Amino acid sequence: MGPRRTQKEATRARVLAAARELFDAEGYDGATIREIARRAGVAVGSVFTTFASKGEILSEVMQARLDPLYGEINRVMPHVRGSTVDRLRTLFAIHFEFENRHLRLFLAHIAAAYDWTLSPAARPYGRNPRLKAILRDTVEKGVATGDVRPDIDLDEVVGLLLAAYAWTYQLAITQGAGAAELIAAMDRQIGVLAEGFSARA
């Protein structure tokens, strides 16, 4: 790796570290490219030569943070027993426990989903193919075992689960709910959704 490439990688790492701290402290709207650059000790232009947008920076921050989580989920989920509802509840409980440690950072991730100026390279909440694949696989297994109706639209169920998960975080904002309260609320919502997708005896 040449000196220029090394310098570019060092700049990239500094920008991502500064952005992670800023998103976690200020949220998506409060974090500006100018402030990210200042905290990283680089010029604003250097940020834009490395990333196309603030949303792309956040996407990279979240990908680096979520990769270990999804690796662990992929390892654990095949061994989780119980109904599809039980498995979904376990999956989301893991997420709430994990995200509650850096709540503002995850809320920034959700907020970015509503930024219509995002570049195609950005992957805000809802565009994460790994989480969608894990959810789809869980529901598909439910269809295979006869636990879930075979005529459901898998993508629609996944979309509804993702929407319920994001919506549940409003309890953290409006009521100061912690992980346990968020998990309990999501458990109830999964129960309501399951009324529509569970196979009838």
Protein backbone atom coordinates (compact mmCIF):
# COMPACT_ATOMS: atom_id res chain seq x y z
CA MET A 1 0.00 0.00 0.00
CA GLY A 2 1.50 3.34 -1.10
CA PRO A 3 1.73 6.45 1.10
CA ARG A 4 -1.28 8.09 -0.58
CA ARG A 5 -3.45 5.06 -0.08
CA THR A 6 -2.30 4.80 3.54
CA GLN A 7 -3.18 8.45 4.14
CA LYS A 8 -6.60 8.00 2.54
CA GLU A 9 -7.35 4.97 4.73
CA ALA A 10 -6.22 6.88 7.84
CA THR A 11 -8.50 9.79 6.91
CA ARG A 12 -11.38 7.38 6.35
CA ALA A 13 -10.84 5.76 9.76
CA ARG A 14 -10.68 9.14 11.53
CA VAL A 15 -13.87 10.33 9.81
CA LEU A 16 -15.75 7.16 10.73
CA ALA A 17 -14.60 7.30 14.37
CA ALA A 18 -15.56 10.98 14.68
CA ALA A 19 -18.91 10.39 12.96
CA ARG A 20 -19.76 7.44 15.22
CA GLU A 21 -19.25 9.60 18.32
CA LEU A 22 -21.13 12.56 16.84
CA PHE A 23 -24.14 10.54 15.63
CA ASP A 24 -24.29 8.88 19.05
CA ALA A 25 -24.24 12.27 20.81
CA GLU A 26 -26.24 14.49 18.44
CA GLY A 27 -28.38 12.20 16.30
CA TYR A 28 -28.68 12.32 12.51
CA ASP A 29 -29.82 15.91 12.05
CA GLY A 30 -27.46 17.27 14.69
CA ALA A 31 -24.39 15.71 13.09
CA THR A 32 -23.05 17.91 10.29
CA ILE A 33 -20.29 17.14 7.80
CA ARG A 34 -18.47 20.26 9.01
CA GLU A 35 -18.49 19.03 12.63
CA ILE A 36 -17.50 15.49 11.60
CA ALA A 37 -14.53 16.95 9.71
CA ARG A 38 -13.58 19.17 12.67
CA ARG A 39 -13.65 16.27 15.10
CA ALA A 40 -11.70 14.08 12.70
CA GLY A 41 -9.10 16.81 12.19
CA VAL A 42 -9.53 16.84 8.40
CA ALA A 43 -10.80 19.32 5.83
CA VAL A 44 -14.46 19.21 4.81
CA GLY A 45 -13.31 18.52 1.26
CA SER A 46 -11.46 15.43 2.45
CA VAL A 47 -14.70 14.05 3.85
CA PHE A 48 -16.46 14.54 0.52
CA THR A 49 -13.64 12.93 -1.45
CA THR A 50 -14.05 9.85 0.74
CA PHE A 51 -17.85 9.71 1.17
CA ALA A 52 -20.71 10.88 -1.04
CA SER A 53 -22.96 12.00 1.82
CA LYS A 54 -23.60 12.06 5.55
CA GLY A 55 -25.97 9.13 5.06
CA GLU A 56 -23.20 7.08 3.47
CA ILE A 57 -20.92 7.82 6.43
CA LEU A 58 -23.62 6.67 8.84
CA SER A 59 -24.21 3.53 6.75
CA GLU A 60 -20.53 2.59 7.05
CA VAL A 61 -20.52 3.31 10.78
CA MET A 62 -23.55 1.08 11.26
CA GLN A 63 -22.26 -1.69 8.99
CA ALA A 64 -19.03 -1.92 10.99
CA ARG A 65 -21.06 -1.96 14.19
CA LEU A 66 -23.71 -4.44 13.04
CA ASP A 67 -21.47 -6.98 11.27
CA PRO A 68 -20.44 -8.67 14.56
CA LEU A 69 -24.07 -8.67 15.75
CA TYR A 70 -25.32 -10.41 12.61
CA GLY A 71 -22.44 -12.86 12.74
CA GLU A 72 -23.55 -13.80 16.27
CA ILE A 73 -27.23 -13.97 15.26
CA ASN A 74 -26.40 -16.23 12.32
CA ARG A 75 -24.53 -18.47 14.74
CA VAL A 76 -27.24 -18.53 17.43
CA MET A 77 -30.58 -18.50 15.54
CA PRO A 78 -30.34 -22.02 14.06
CA HIS A 79 -30.24 -23.32 17.65
CA VAL A 80 -33.18 -21.26 18.97
CA ARG A 81 -36.18 -23.49 19.54
CA GLY A 82 -39.87 -22.71 19.78
CA SER A 83 -42.55 -21.32 17.52
CA THR A 84 -41.93 -18.72 14.84
CA VAL A 85 -43.32 -16.10 17.22
CA ASP A 86 -40.87 -17.21 19.94
CA ARG A 87 -37.96 -17.10 17.50
CA LEU A 88 -38.91 -13.62 16.26
CA ARG A 89 -39.23 -12.38 19.83
CA THR A 90 -35.78 -13.75 20.65
CA LEU A 91 -34.29 -12.15 17.55
CA PHE A 92 -35.67 -8.71 18.34
CA ALA A 93 -34.80 -8.99 22.04
CA ILE A 94 -31.16 -9.48 20.99
CA HIS A 95 -31.42 -6.36 18.83
CA PHE A 96 -32.96 -4.21 21.57
CA GLU A 97 -30.31 -5.26 24.10
CA PHE A 98 -27.57 -4.48 21.58
CA GLU A 99 -28.93 -1.15 20.31
CA ASN A 100 -29.88 0.15 23.74
CA ARG A 101 -26.15 0.60 24.47
CA HIS A 102 -25.92 3.31 21.79
CA LEU A 103 -29.53 4.38 21.45
CA ARG A 104 -28.97 7.74 19.74
CA LEU A 105 -26.73 6.13 17.16
CA PHE A 106 -29.44 3.65 16.23
CA LEU A 107 -32.09 6.38 16.20
CA ALA A 108 -29.84 8.27 13.77
CA HIS A 109 -29.80 5.12 11.62
CA ILE A 110 -33.62 5.07 11.60
CA ALA A 111 -33.83 8.84 10.94
CA ALA A 112 -31.57 8.48 7.89
CA ALA A 113 -34.22 6.27 6.29
CA TYR A 114 -36.33 9.42 5.87
CA ASP A 115 -33.59 11.50 4.24
CA TRP A 116 -34.67 11.71 0.60
CA THR A 117 -31.28 13.16 -0.42
CA LEU A 118 -29.41 9.94 0.41
CA SER A 119 -27.06 8.58 -2.22
CA PRO A 120 -27.75 5.07 -3.58
CA ALA A 121 -24.67 3.81 -1.71
CA ALA A 122 -26.22 4.70 1.66
CA ARG A 123 -27.96 1.90 3.54
CA PRO A 124 -30.18 3.38 6.24
CA TYR A 125 -32.52 1.36 8.41
CA GLY A 126 -34.88 -0.70 6.28
CA ARG A 127 -32.35 -1.24 3.49
CA ASN A 128 -30.23 -3.70 5.44
CA PRO A 129 -30.26 -6.93 3.43
CA ARG A 130 -28.81 -9.00 6.29
CA LEU A 131 -31.59 -8.24 8.76
CA LYS A 132 -34.22 -8.74 6.07
CA ALA A 133 -32.68 -12.10 5.16
CA ILE A 134 -32.63 -13.27 8.80
CA LEU A 135 -36.29 -12.30 9.26
CA ARG A 136 -37.33 -13.86 5.97
CA ASP A 137 -35.49 -17.07 6.82
CA THR A 138 -37.20 -17.22 10.23
CA VAL A 139 -40.66 -16.78 8.72
CA GLU A 140 -39.91 -19.22 5.85
CA LYS A 141 -38.94 -21.86 8.39
CA GLY A 142 -42.29 -21.24 10.05
CA VAL A 143 -44.01 -21.92 6.73
CA ALA A 144 -41.98 -25.13 6.30
CA THR A 145 -42.94 -26.40 9.77
CA GLY A 146 -46.62 -25.51 9.34
CA ASP A 147 -46.42 -22.77 11.97
CA VAL A 148 -47.02 -19.96 9.45
CA ARG A 149 -49.66 -19.77 6.73
CA PRO A 150 -48.21 -20.80 3.36
CA ASP A 151 -50.15 -18.11 1.46
CA ILE A 152 -48.62 -15.09 3.22
CA ASP A 153 -46.51 -12.52 1.43
CA LEU A 154 -43.10 -13.01 3.08
CA ASP A 155 -41.81 -9.58 2.06
CA GLU A 156 -44.89 -7.91 3.51
CA VAL A 157 -44.46 -9.70 6.85
CA VAL A 158 -40.77 -8.76 6.96
CA GLY A 159 -41.68 -5.14 6.17
CA LEU A 160 -44.29 -5.06 8.93
CA LEU A 161 -41.83 -6.51 11.46
CA LEU A 162 -39.21 -3.92 10.50
CA ALA A 163 -41.77 -1.13 10.79
CA ALA A 164 -42.92 -2.33 14.22
CA TYR A 165 -39.31 -2.58 15.41
CA ALA A 166 -38.49 0.99 14.32
CA TRP A 167 -41.76 2.33 15.73
CA THR A 168 -41.12 0.74 19.12
CA TYR A 169 -38.11 3.02 19.63
CA GLN A 170 -40.47 5.99 19.95
CA LEU A 171 -41.13 4.66 23.47
CA ALA A 172 -37.49 5.30 24.30
CA ILE A 173 -37.87 8.90 23.12
CA THR A 174 -41.31 9.71 24.55
CA GLN A 175 -41.27 7.63 27.73
CA GLY A 176 -37.62 6.93 28.41
CA ALA A 177 -38.25 3.19 27.97
CA GLY A 178 -35.27 0.92 28.47
CA ALA A 179 -34.47 -2.37 26.76
CA ALA A 180 -36.87 -4.42 28.90
CA GLU A 181 -39.84 -2.15 28.12
CA LEU A 182 -38.96 -2.05 24.42
CA ILE A 183 -38.71 -5.83 24.30
CA ALA A 184 -42.09 -6.21 26.04
CA ALA A 185 -43.73 -3.77 23.59
CA MET A 186 -42.23 -5.58 20.59
CA ASP A 187 -43.34 -8.94 22.00
CA ARG A 188 -46.91 -7.62 22.06
CA GLN A 189 -46.66 -6.29 18.51
CA ILE A 190 -45.28 -9.58 17.21
CA GLY A 191 -48.27 -11.26 18.88
CA VAL A 192 -50.66 -8.93 17.05
CA LEU A 193 -48.90 -9.49 13.71
CA ALA A 194 -48.90 -13.24 14.31
CA GLU A 195 -52.70 -13.18 14.38
CA GLY A 196 -52.45 -12.46 10.66
CA PHE A 197 -49.68 -14.85 9.64
CA SER A 198 -49.97 -17.85 12.00
CA ALA A 199 -51.42 -21.05 10.66
CA ARG A 200 -54.77 -21.96 12.19
CA ALA A 201 -55.22 -25.29 13.92
